[in-house]
Amino acid sequence: MKHIIGLLNNYGTIVLPISLILELIALPLPGEAMLTYCGVLVNQGKMSWILSIFLASIGSGYLILFHWWNFRYTIL
């Protein structure tokens, strides 16, 4: 977890959507804890609130849409 926090401190805008995508693939990453820590960074003024919401939505929404599209068109 210390490595993920270090990456989030240094490269938060890149690490957040990638880590959420990897979590939804079923890798054992603590997505909820990471989002909580992003809230701490937003509270400290180190990360933008709107940017973190946007990136979290992109990270989770992209993979959910990909899984839906893959399921929808491969079953038929």
Protein backbone atom coordinates (compact mmCIF):
# COMPACT_ATOMS: atom_id res chain seq x y z
CA MET A 1 0.00 0.00 0.00
CA LYS A 2 2.93 2.35 0.63
CA HIS A 3 3.96 2.10 -3.02
CA ILE A 4 0.46 2.93 -4.24
CA ILE A 5 0.24 5.92 -1.91
CA GLY A 6 3.63 7.14 -3.15
CA LEU A 7 2.49 6.82 -6.75
CA LEU A 8 -0.76 8.57 -5.94
CA ASN A 9 1.10 11.45 -4.27
CA ASN A 10 3.44 11.93 -7.23
CA TYR A 11 1.28 10.93 -10.22
CA GLY A 12 -2.28 11.13 -8.92
CA THR A 13 -3.98 12.11 -12.16
CA ILE A 14 -2.50 9.15 -14.02
CA VAL A 15 -2.57 6.53 -11.28
CA LEU A 16 -6.22 7.01 -10.25
CA PRO A 17 -8.00 5.89 -13.46
CA ILE A 18 -5.43 3.18 -14.21
CA SER A 19 -5.74 1.71 -10.72
CA LEU A 20 -9.53 1.69 -10.91
CA ILE A 21 -9.38 -0.08 -14.27
CA LEU A 22 -6.99 -2.65 -12.82
CA GLU A 23 -9.22 -3.13 -9.79
CA LEU A 24 -12.23 -3.85 -11.99
CA ILE A 25 -10.19 -6.41 -13.92
CA ALA A 26 -9.99 -8.25 -10.56
CA LEU A 27 -6.47 -7.39 -9.44
CA PRO A 28 -6.26 -7.08 -5.66
CA LEU A 29 -5.98 -3.29 -5.46
CA PRO A 30 -7.73 -1.32 -2.71
CA GLY A 31 -9.97 0.88 -4.86
CA GLU A 32 -12.15 2.24 -2.06
CA ALA A 33 -9.15 3.04 0.11
CA MET A 34 -7.50 4.76 -2.84
CA LEU A 35 -10.56 6.91 -3.45
CA THR A 36 -10.61 7.80 0.24
CA TYR A 37 -6.97 8.84 0.05
CA CYS A 38 -7.79 10.95 -3.03
CA GLY A 39 -10.37 12.68 -0.84
CA VAL A 40 -7.61 13.44 1.66
CA LEU A 41 -5.47 14.87 -1.15
CA VAL A 42 -8.39 17.00 -2.31
CA ASN A 43 -8.91 18.25 1.25
CA GLN A 44 -5.24 19.20 1.49
CA GLY A 45 -5.44 21.04 -1.83
CA LYS A 46 -2.99 18.72 -3.61
CA MET A 47 -5.56 17.43 -6.09
CA SER A 48 -8.49 19.05 -7.84
CA TRP A 49 -11.94 17.89 -6.72
CA ILE A 50 -13.50 18.05 -10.17
CA LEU A 51 -10.50 16.37 -11.78
CA SER A 52 -10.51 13.50 -9.29
CA ILE A 53 -14.26 12.90 -9.81
CA PHE A 54 -13.77 13.02 -13.59
CA LEU A 55 -10.81 10.63 -13.54
CA ALA A 56 -12.53 8.17 -11.21
CA SER A 57 -15.57 8.18 -13.51
CA ILE A 58 -13.39 7.62 -16.56
CA GLY A 59 -11.46 4.81 -14.88
CA SER A 60 -14.47 2.86 -13.73
CA GLY A 61 -16.89 3.78 -16.49
CA TYR A 62 -14.54 2.88 -19.33
CA LEU A 63 -14.04 -0.67 -18.18
CA ILE A 64 -17.70 -1.21 -17.31
CA LEU A 65 -18.66 0.01 -20.78
CA PHE A 66 -16.03 -2.23 -22.35
CA HIS A 67 -17.34 -5.28 -20.46
CA TRP A 68 -20.92 -4.47 -21.43
CA TRP A 69 -19.98 -4.02 -25.08
CA ASN A 70 -17.94 -7.22 -25.10
CA PHE A 71 -20.75 -9.23 -23.49
CA ARG A 72 -23.41 -7.69 -25.69
CA TYR A 73 -21.78 -8.39 -29.02
CA THR A 74 -20.01 -11.67 -28.34
CA ILE A 75 -23.06 -13.56 -27.04
CA LEU A 76 -25.13 -12.90 -30.16
